[in-house]
Amino acid sequence: MGYMDPEYAATGRASTPSDVYSFGVVLLEICCGRRPRLPRDESIKSSLLEWVWDLYGRGETLEAADKRLDGDFDDTQIQRVLVVGLWCAHPDRSARPSIKQALGVLQFEAPLPPLPPTMPVPTYTTSVAGSWSGDSSSAGVLSSRGGELWTTTSSSTTG
């Protein structure tokens, strides 16, 4: 999907949160020097968003910085841009910032947002009338918007 918000891809309806999603993907692409959809490679995730979120969860966010920069960058600034990129491209549209909030963090006027260590997995159905199943440990956000049901669950497993 690249720059396209998964909700927009499913519904065909653009919105401010879908624009924020695209902005987040652009931030990640600029910092990483990679396209939003990565070629299939066993060593990395298939999308830029998944790859950067995986590094974020392991505390290795700076590993996503464009290698062509050869480390010639301000770690704090790159970290900030990457985290704001993840925040803007959050799978749960209600967890995304406004552009004003994102810019406040990018300009060091606000702290970095707390994000889950694993990328939440969005689920989508076109009917609100269905039943909800799931336990409280995997459930994230359940919201109804215009007759559609959106939930976000964590992809992490405990064992």
N, C-alpha and C. Protein backbone atom coordinates (compact mmCIF):
# COMPACT_ATOMS: atom_id res chain seq x y z
N MET A 1 0.81 -1.19 0.00
CA MET A 1 0.00 0.00 0.00
C MET A 1 0.86 1.26 0.00
N GLY A 2 2.04 1.20 0.50
CA GLY A 2 2.92 2.35 0.44
C GLY A 2 2.43 3.53 1.26
N TYR A 3 2.11 4.61 0.58
CA TYR A 3 1.70 5.84 1.25
C TYR A 3 0.22 5.83 1.63
N MET A 4 -0.52 4.85 1.14
CA MET A 4 -1.96 4.84 1.32
C MET A 4 -2.37 4.25 2.67
N ASP A 5 -3.14 5.02 3.41
CA ASP A 5 -3.70 4.57 4.67
C ASP A 5 -4.54 3.32 4.42
N PRO A 6 -4.35 2.25 5.20
CA PRO A 6 -5.14 1.04 5.00
C PRO A 6 -6.66 1.30 5.07
N GLU A 7 -7.09 2.21 5.92
CA GLU A 7 -8.52 2.53 5.98
C GLU A 7 -8.99 3.16 4.68
N TYR A 8 -8.18 4.06 4.12
CA TYR A 8 -8.54 4.67 2.85
C TYR A 8 -8.59 3.60 1.75
N ALA A 9 -7.65 2.69 1.76
CA ALA A 9 -7.62 1.63 0.76
C ALA A 9 -8.88 0.76 0.84
N ALA A 10 -9.38 0.55 2.06
CA ALA A 10 -10.56 -0.29 2.25
C ALA A 10 -11.86 0.43 1.94
N THR A 11 -11.93 1.73 2.26
CA THR A 11 -13.19 2.45 2.14
C THR A 11 -13.25 3.40 0.95
N GLY A 12 -12.08 3.84 0.46
CA GLY A 12 -12.05 4.81 -0.61
C GLY A 12 -12.35 6.22 -0.16
N ARG A 13 -12.38 6.43 1.17
CA ARG A 13 -12.69 7.76 1.71
C ARG A 13 -11.43 8.38 2.31
N ALA A 14 -11.04 9.52 1.75
CA ALA A 14 -9.89 10.25 2.29
C ALA A 14 -10.33 11.03 3.52
N SER A 15 -9.39 11.26 4.42
CA SER A 15 -9.69 11.99 5.65
C SER A 15 -8.40 12.63 6.15
N THR A 16 -8.53 13.48 7.14
CA THR A 16 -7.33 14.08 7.74
C THR A 16 -6.42 12.99 8.30
N PRO A 17 -6.95 11.98 9.04
CA PRO A 17 -6.05 10.92 9.52
C PRO A 17 -5.36 10.15 8.39
N SER A 18 -6.01 10.02 7.23
CA SER A 18 -5.33 9.32 6.13
C SER A 18 -4.20 10.19 5.55
N ASP A 19 -4.38 11.51 5.57
CA ASP A 19 -3.29 12.41 5.16
C ASP A 19 -2.13 12.35 6.15
N VAL A 20 -2.44 12.28 7.43
CA VAL A 20 -1.41 12.18 8.46
C VAL A 20 -0.62 10.88 8.28
N TYR A 21 -1.32 9.79 7.96
CA TYR A 21 -0.67 8.51 7.70
C TYR A 21 0.36 8.67 6.58
N SER A 22 -0.05 9.28 5.48
CA SER A 22 0.86 9.47 4.35
C SER A 22 2.06 10.33 4.73
N PHE A 23 1.83 11.37 5.51
CA PHE A 23 2.91 12.22 5.99
C PHE A 23 3.92 11.38 6.79
N GLY A 24 3.42 10.49 7.64
CA GLY A 24 4.30 9.62 8.43
C GLY A 24 5.15 8.72 7.56
N VAL A 25 4.56 8.16 6.52
CA VAL A 25 5.31 7.28 5.62
C VAL A 25 6.39 8.08 4.89
N VAL A 26 6.07 9.32 4.49
CA VAL A 26 7.07 10.17 3.82
C VAL A 26 8.23 10.47 4.78
N LEU A 27 7.92 10.76 6.05
CA LEU A 27 9.00 10.99 7.02
C LEU A 27 9.92 9.78 7.11
N LEU A 28 9.33 8.59 7.20
CA LEU A 28 10.13 7.37 7.29
C LEU A 28 10.98 7.18 6.03
N GLU A 29 10.38 7.42 4.88
CA GLU A 29 11.11 7.24 3.62
C GLU A 29 12.30 8.19 3.52
N ILE A 30 12.10 9.43 3.93
CA ILE A 30 13.19 10.41 3.87
C ILE A 30 14.33 10.01 4.81
N CYS A 31 14.00 9.62 6.03
CA CYS A 31 15.03 9.25 7.01
C CYS A 31 15.77 7.97 6.64
N CYS A 32 15.03 7.03 6.10
CA CYS A 32 15.61 5.71 5.84
C CYS A 32 16.23 5.58 4.46
N GLY A 33 15.83 6.46 3.55
CA GLY A 33 16.33 6.36 2.18
C GLY A 33 15.82 5.12 1.48
N ARG A 34 14.63 4.66 1.88
CA ARG A 34 14.03 3.46 1.29
C ARG A 34 12.60 3.75 0.88
N ARG A 35 12.13 2.97 -0.06
CA ARG A 35 10.76 3.11 -0.53
C ARG A 35 9.80 2.49 0.50
N PRO A 36 8.53 2.91 0.48
CA PRO A 36 7.56 2.40 1.46
C PRO A 36 7.34 0.90 1.39
N ARG A 37 7.38 0.34 0.20
CA ARG A 37 7.25 -1.11 0.05
C ARG A 37 8.64 -1.65 -0.26
N LEU A 38 9.13 -2.50 0.59
CA LEU A 38 10.47 -3.05 0.40
C LEU A 38 10.39 -4.33 -0.41
N PRO A 39 11.43 -4.62 -1.19
CA PRO A 39 11.45 -5.89 -1.91
C PRO A 39 11.48 -7.03 -0.90
N ARG A 40 10.91 -8.13 -1.28
CA ARG A 40 10.90 -9.30 -0.39
C ARG A 40 12.33 -9.71 -0.07
N ASP A 41 12.65 -9.67 1.19
CA ASP A 41 14.00 -10.01 1.65
C ASP A 41 13.81 -10.68 3.00
N GLU A 42 14.41 -11.81 3.18
CA GLU A 42 14.26 -12.57 4.42
C GLU A 42 14.78 -11.82 5.64
N SER A 43 15.70 -10.87 5.44
CA SER A 43 16.33 -10.21 6.57
C SER A 43 15.53 -9.02 7.10
N ILE A 44 14.54 -8.54 6.33
CA ILE A 44 13.77 -7.38 6.78
C ILE A 44 12.29 -7.58 6.51
N LYS A 45 11.47 -6.78 7.15
CA LYS A 45 10.02 -6.83 6.97
C LYS A 45 9.67 -6.35 5.56
N SER A 46 8.44 -6.62 5.12
CA SER A 46 8.06 -6.28 3.74
C SER A 46 7.68 -4.82 3.56
N SER A 47 7.36 -4.11 4.62
CA SER A 47 7.05 -2.69 4.46
C SER A 47 7.99 -1.87 5.33
N LEU A 48 8.22 -0.66 4.88
CA LEU A 48 9.08 0.25 5.62
C LEU A 48 8.54 0.47 7.03
N LEU A 49 7.23 0.64 7.14
CA LEU A 49 6.61 0.86 8.45
C LEU A 49 6.86 -0.32 9.39
N GLU A 50 6.65 -1.54 8.92
CA GLU A 50 6.89 -2.72 9.75
C GLU A 50 8.36 -2.82 10.17
N TRP A 51 9.24 -2.56 9.23
CA TRP A 51 10.68 -2.67 9.48
C TRP A 51 11.12 -1.66 10.54
N VAL A 52 10.71 -0.39 10.39
CA VAL A 52 11.11 0.63 11.36
C VAL A 52 10.46 0.35 12.72
N TRP A 53 9.21 -0.08 12.73
CA TRP A 53 8.54 -0.36 14.02
C TRP A 53 9.24 -1.51 14.73
N ASP A 54 9.68 -2.50 13.98
CA ASP A 54 10.42 -3.62 14.57
C ASP A 54 11.72 -3.12 15.21
N LEU A 55 12.44 -2.27 14.52
CA LEU A 55 13.67 -1.69 15.08
C LEU A 55 13.36 -0.85 16.32
N TYR A 56 12.29 -0.07 16.26
CA TYR A 56 11.87 0.75 17.40
C TYR A 56 11.61 -0.15 18.63
N GLY A 57 10.90 -1.23 18.42
CA GLY A 57 10.58 -2.15 19.52
C GLY A 57 11.80 -2.79 20.14
N ARG A 58 12.86 -2.93 19.35
CA ARG A 58 14.10 -3.51 19.86
C ARG A 58 15.06 -2.46 20.39
N GLY A 59 14.62 -1.19 20.39
CA GLY A 59 15.49 -0.11 20.86
C GLY A 59 16.61 0.22 19.90
N GLU A 60 16.43 -0.10 18.62
CA GLU A 60 17.46 0.11 17.61
C GLU A 60 16.97 1.03 16.49
N THR A 61 16.16 2.01 16.83
CA THR A 61 15.55 2.88 15.83
C THR A 61 16.58 3.52 14.90
N LEU A 62 17.70 3.94 15.44
CA LEU A 62 18.70 4.63 14.61
C LEU A 62 19.29 3.74 13.52
N GLU A 63 19.13 2.43 13.66
CA GLU A 63 19.59 1.51 12.61
C GLU A 63 18.82 1.72 11.30
N ALA A 64 17.67 2.38 11.39
CA ALA A 64 16.86 2.63 10.20
C ALA A 64 17.36 3.82 9.39
N ALA A 65 18.23 4.64 9.97
CA ALA A 65 18.73 5.82 9.28
C ALA A 65 19.44 5.42 7.98
N ASP A 66 19.26 6.23 6.96
CA ASP A 66 19.84 5.99 5.65
C ASP A 66 21.34 5.73 5.79
N LYS A 67 21.79 4.59 5.34
CA LYS A 67 23.21 4.20 5.45
C LYS A 67 24.10 5.13 4.64
N ARG A 68 23.54 5.77 3.61
CA ARG A 68 24.34 6.69 2.80
C ARG A 68 24.74 7.94 3.57
N LEU A 69 24.09 8.18 4.71
CA LEU A 69 24.48 9.32 5.54
C LEU A 69 25.76 9.02 6.31
N ASP A 70 26.11 7.74 6.37
CA ASP A 70 27.36 7.30 7.01
C ASP A 70 27.49 7.84 8.44
N GLY A 71 26.36 7.87 9.15
CA GLY A 71 26.39 8.32 10.55
C GLY A 71 26.55 9.81 10.72
N ASP A 72 26.56 10.56 9.64
CA ASP A 72 26.75 12.01 9.71
C ASP A 72 25.39 12.71 9.90
N PHE A 73 24.82 12.54 11.10
CA PHE A 73 23.54 13.16 11.43
C PHE A 73 23.43 13.30 12.93
N ASP A 74 22.49 14.11 13.35
CA ASP A 74 22.20 14.30 14.77
C ASP A 74 21.27 13.18 15.22
N ASP A 75 21.74 12.31 16.09
CA ASP A 75 20.95 11.16 16.54
C ASP A 75 19.59 11.56 17.09
N THR A 76 19.55 12.64 17.85
CA THR A 76 18.30 13.08 18.47
C THR A 76 17.29 13.49 17.41
N GLN A 77 17.74 14.19 16.37
CA GLN A 77 16.83 14.62 15.32
C GLN A 77 16.31 13.43 14.51
N ILE A 78 17.19 12.52 14.14
CA ILE A 78 16.77 11.35 13.37
C ILE A 78 15.79 10.50 14.19
N GLN A 79 16.10 10.28 15.46
CA GLN A 79 15.21 9.52 16.34
C GLN A 79 13.83 10.17 16.36
N ARG A 80 13.81 11.47 16.48
CA ARG A 80 12.55 12.22 16.56
C ARG A 80 11.74 12.06 15.27
N VAL A 81 12.40 12.20 14.13
CA VAL A 81 11.69 12.09 12.85
C VAL A 81 11.16 10.66 12.67
N LEU A 82 11.95 9.67 13.01
CA LEU A 82 11.49 8.29 12.87
C LEU A 82 10.30 7.98 13.78
N VAL A 83 10.37 8.40 15.03
CA VAL A 83 9.26 8.13 15.96
C VAL A 83 8.00 8.89 15.54
N VAL A 84 8.15 10.13 15.10
CA VAL A 84 6.98 10.88 14.62
C VAL A 84 6.41 10.20 13.37
N GLY A 85 7.28 9.69 12.51
CA GLY A 85 6.81 8.95 11.34
C GLY A 85 5.98 7.74 11.74
N LEU A 86 6.45 6.99 12.73
CA LEU A 86 5.68 5.85 13.22
C LEU A 86 4.35 6.29 13.83
N TRP A 87 4.40 7.35 14.60
CA TRP A 87 3.20 7.88 15.26
C TRP A 87 2.15 8.28 14.22
N CYS A 88 2.59 8.99 13.20
CA CYS A 88 1.67 9.43 12.15
C CYS A 88 1.09 8.26 11.35
N ALA A 89 1.88 7.22 11.17
CA ALA A 89 1.44 6.05 10.39
C ALA A 89 0.88 4.94 11.28
N HIS A 90 0.52 5.28 12.51
CA HIS A 90 -0.03 4.30 13.45
C HIS A 90 -1.23 3.61 12.82
N PRO A 91 -1.32 2.28 12.92
CA PRO A 91 -2.45 1.57 12.33
C PRO A 91 -3.83 2.00 12.87
N ASP A 92 -3.87 2.47 14.10
CA ASP A 92 -5.12 2.95 14.68
C ASP A 92 -5.23 4.45 14.41
N ARG A 93 -6.13 4.82 13.55
CA ARG A 93 -6.23 6.23 13.16
C ARG A 93 -6.49 7.15 14.34
N SER A 94 -7.15 6.66 15.39
CA SER A 94 -7.43 7.52 16.55
C SER A 94 -6.18 7.75 17.39
N ALA A 95 -5.13 6.97 17.17
CA ALA A 95 -3.87 7.16 17.90
C ALA A 95 -2.91 8.08 17.15
N ARG A 96 -3.27 8.48 15.94
CA ARG A 96 -2.42 9.37 15.15
C ARG A 96 -2.53 10.80 15.67
N PRO A 97 -1.46 11.55 15.54
CA PRO A 97 -1.50 12.95 15.97
C PRO A 97 -2.14 13.83 14.90
N SER A 98 -2.42 15.04 15.27
CA SER A 98 -2.75 16.05 14.26
C SER A 98 -1.40 16.49 13.66
N ILE A 99 -1.46 17.15 12.54
CA ILE A 99 -0.22 17.67 11.95
C ILE A 99 0.42 18.66 12.92
N LYS A 100 -0.38 19.44 13.59
CA LYS A 100 0.15 20.41 14.56
C LYS A 100 0.91 19.70 15.68
N GLN A 101 0.35 18.60 16.19
CA GLN A 101 1.04 17.84 17.24
C GLN A 101 2.35 17.25 16.71
N ALA A 102 2.30 16.69 15.51
CA ALA A 102 3.50 16.10 14.93
C ALA A 102 4.60 17.14 14.75
N LEU A 103 4.22 18.30 14.24
CA LEU A 103 5.21 19.37 14.05
C LEU A 103 5.77 19.86 15.38
N GLY A 104 4.93 19.90 16.42
CA GLY A 104 5.41 20.29 17.75
C GLY A 104 6.50 19.36 18.25
N VAL A 105 6.35 18.07 18.01
CA VAL A 105 7.39 17.11 18.42
C VAL A 105 8.63 17.27 17.54
N LEU A 106 8.43 17.43 16.24
CA LEU A 106 9.57 17.59 15.33
C LEU A 106 10.38 18.84 15.65
N GLN A 107 9.72 19.87 16.17
CA GLN A 107 10.39 21.12 16.49
C GLN A 107 10.84 21.18 17.96
N PHE A 108 10.84 20.04 18.62
CA PHE A 108 11.29 19.91 20.01
C PHE A 108 10.45 20.74 20.98
N GLU A 109 9.20 21.02 20.62
CA GLU A 109 8.29 21.75 21.50
C GLU A 109 7.48 20.82 22.38
N ALA A 110 7.53 19.53 22.08
CA ALA A 110 6.78 18.52 22.83
C ALA A 110 7.64 17.26 22.90
N PRO A 111 7.39 16.41 23.92
CA PRO A 111 8.18 15.18 24.04
C PRO A 111 7.77 14.14 23.01
N LEU A 112 8.63 13.16 22.83
CA LEU A 112 8.30 12.04 21.95
C LEU A 112 7.08 11.31 22.49
N PRO A 113 6.20 10.86 21.62
CA PRO A 113 5.02 10.13 22.08
C PRO A 113 5.39 8.70 22.49
N PRO A 114 4.68 8.15 23.46
CA PRO A 114 4.91 6.74 23.79
C PRO A 114 4.21 5.87 22.75
N LEU A 115 4.93 4.94 22.19
CA LEU A 115 4.36 4.01 21.21
C LEU A 115 4.55 2.58 21.72
N PRO A 116 3.68 1.67 21.35
CA PRO A 116 3.88 0.28 21.77
C PRO A 116 5.12 -0.30 21.09
N PRO A 117 5.81 -1.22 21.75
CA PRO A 117 7.03 -1.78 21.15
C PRO A 117 6.77 -2.64 19.91
N THR A 118 5.57 -3.17 19.78
CA THR A 118 5.22 -3.91 18.57
C THR A 118 4.14 -3.16 17.83
N MET A 119 4.21 -3.21 16.52
CA MET A 119 3.23 -2.50 15.71
C MET A 119 1.86 -3.12 15.88
N PRO A 120 0.87 -2.32 16.28
CA PRO A 120 -0.50 -2.86 16.37
C PRO A 120 -0.98 -3.31 15.00
N VAL A 121 -1.81 -4.33 15.00
CA VAL A 121 -2.33 -4.88 13.75
C VAL A 121 -3.78 -4.44 13.61
N PRO A 122 -4.09 -3.67 12.55
CA PRO A 122 -5.48 -3.24 12.37
C PRO A 122 -6.32 -4.39 11.81
N THR A 123 -7.55 -4.46 12.22
CA THR A 123 -8.50 -5.40 11.63
C THR A 123 -9.70 -4.59 11.19
N TYR A 124 -10.39 -5.05 10.17
CA TYR A 124 -11.44 -4.26 9.56
C TYR A 124 -12.60 -5.17 9.17
N THR A 125 -13.81 -4.69 9.40
CA THR A 125 -15.01 -5.36 8.91
C THR A 125 -15.99 -4.29 8.50
N THR A 126 -16.87 -4.59 7.56
CA THR A 126 -17.81 -3.59 7.07
C THR A 126 -19.10 -3.54 7.87
N SER A 127 -19.25 -4.40 8.86
CA SER A 127 -20.50 -4.44 9.61
C SER A 127 -20.25 -4.29 11.09
N VAL A 128 -21.06 -3.45 11.74
CA VAL A 128 -20.97 -3.28 13.19
C VAL A 128 -21.83 -4.32 13.88
N ALA A 129 -22.74 -4.94 13.14
CA ALA A 129 -23.71 -5.86 13.73
C ALA A 129 -23.09 -7.19 14.17
N GLY A 130 -21.89 -7.50 13.73
CA GLY A 130 -21.25 -8.76 14.10
C GLY A 130 -20.91 -8.81 15.57
N SER A 131 -20.53 -9.98 16.02
CA SER A 131 -20.18 -10.13 17.44
C SER A 131 -18.70 -9.89 17.62
N TRP A 132 -18.32 -9.47 18.80
CA TRP A 132 -16.94 -9.20 19.14
C TRP A 132 -16.39 -10.41 19.87
N SER A 133 -15.28 -10.92 19.40
CA SER A 133 -14.62 -11.99 20.13
C SER A 133 -13.18 -11.61 20.31
N GLY A 134 -12.64 -12.01 21.39
CA GLY A 134 -11.26 -11.67 21.69
C GLY A 134 -11.12 -11.48 23.17
N ASP A 135 -9.91 -11.63 23.66
CA ASP A 135 -9.72 -11.43 25.09
C ASP A 135 -9.14 -10.05 25.33
N SER A 136 -9.20 -9.62 26.56
CA SER A 136 -8.76 -8.27 26.89
C SER A 136 -7.26 -8.10 26.73
N SER A 137 -6.50 -9.18 26.69
CA SER A 137 -5.05 -9.04 26.54
C SER A 137 -4.66 -8.72 25.12
N SER A 138 -5.49 -9.09 24.13
CA SER A 138 -5.13 -8.81 22.75
C SER A 138 -5.93 -7.66 22.17
N ALA A 139 -7.00 -7.26 22.84
CA ALA A 139 -7.84 -6.20 22.30
C ALA A 139 -7.18 -4.84 22.49
N GLY A 140 -7.30 -4.03 21.50
CA GLY A 140 -6.77 -2.68 21.58
C GLY A 140 -7.92 -1.71 21.54
N VAL A 141 -8.08 -1.04 20.44
CA VAL A 141 -9.11 -0.03 20.29
C VAL A 141 -10.24 -0.61 19.47
N LEU A 142 -11.46 -0.41 19.93
CA LEU A 142 -12.64 -0.83 19.20
C LEU A 142 -13.44 0.42 18.93
N SER A 143 -13.64 0.75 17.67
CA SER A 143 -14.39 1.97 17.38
C SER A 143 -15.25 1.77 16.15
N SER A 144 -16.36 2.46 16.14
CA SER A 144 -17.27 2.41 15.01
C SER A 144 -17.26 3.76 14.32
N ARG A 145 -17.06 3.74 13.02
CA ARG A 145 -17.05 4.97 12.24
C ARG A 145 -17.87 4.74 10.98
N GLY A 146 -18.99 5.40 10.88
CA GLY A 146 -19.78 5.33 9.66
C GLY A 146 -20.18 3.93 9.26
N GLY A 147 -20.59 3.09 10.21
CA GLY A 147 -21.02 1.74 9.89
C GLY A 147 -19.91 0.74 9.73
N GLU A 148 -18.69 1.14 9.99
CA GLU A 148 -17.57 0.22 9.89
C GLU A 148 -16.95 0.03 11.26
N LEU A 149 -16.42 -1.13 11.49
CA LEU A 149 -15.81 -1.45 12.77
C LEU A 149 -14.32 -1.58 12.59
N TRP A 150 -13.57 -0.83 13.39
CA TRP A 150 -12.11 -0.88 13.35
C TRP A 150 -11.60 -1.30 14.70
N THR A 151 -10.73 -2.26 14.73
CA THR A 151 -10.07 -2.64 15.97
C THR A 151 -8.58 -2.68 15.72
N THR A 152 -7.85 -2.49 16.76
CA THR A 152 -6.41 -2.57 16.66
C THR A 152 -5.93 -3.51 17.75
N THR A 153 -5.15 -4.50 17.37
CA THR A 153 -4.63 -5.45 18.34
C THR A 153 -3.13 -5.47 18.26
N SER A 154 -2.52 -5.88 19.33
CA SER A 154 -1.06 -5.98 19.37
C SER A 154 -0.66 -7.28 18.69
N SER A 155 0.44 -7.23 17.95
CA SER A 155 0.91 -8.43 17.26
C SER A 155 1.90 -9.21 18.11
N SER A 156 2.16 -8.74 19.32
CA SER A 156 3.13 -9.43 20.16
C SER A 156 2.51 -10.68 20.77
N THR A 157 3.35 -11.64 21.04
CA THR A 157 2.91 -12.84 21.72
C THR A 157 3.71 -13.01 22.98
N THR A 158 3.08 -13.58 23.96
CA THR A 158 3.80 -13.84 25.20
C THR A 158 3.93 -15.34 25.33
N GLY A 159 4.98 -15.77 25.93
CA GLY A 159 5.14 -17.21 26.01
C GLY A 159 5.96 -17.56 27.09
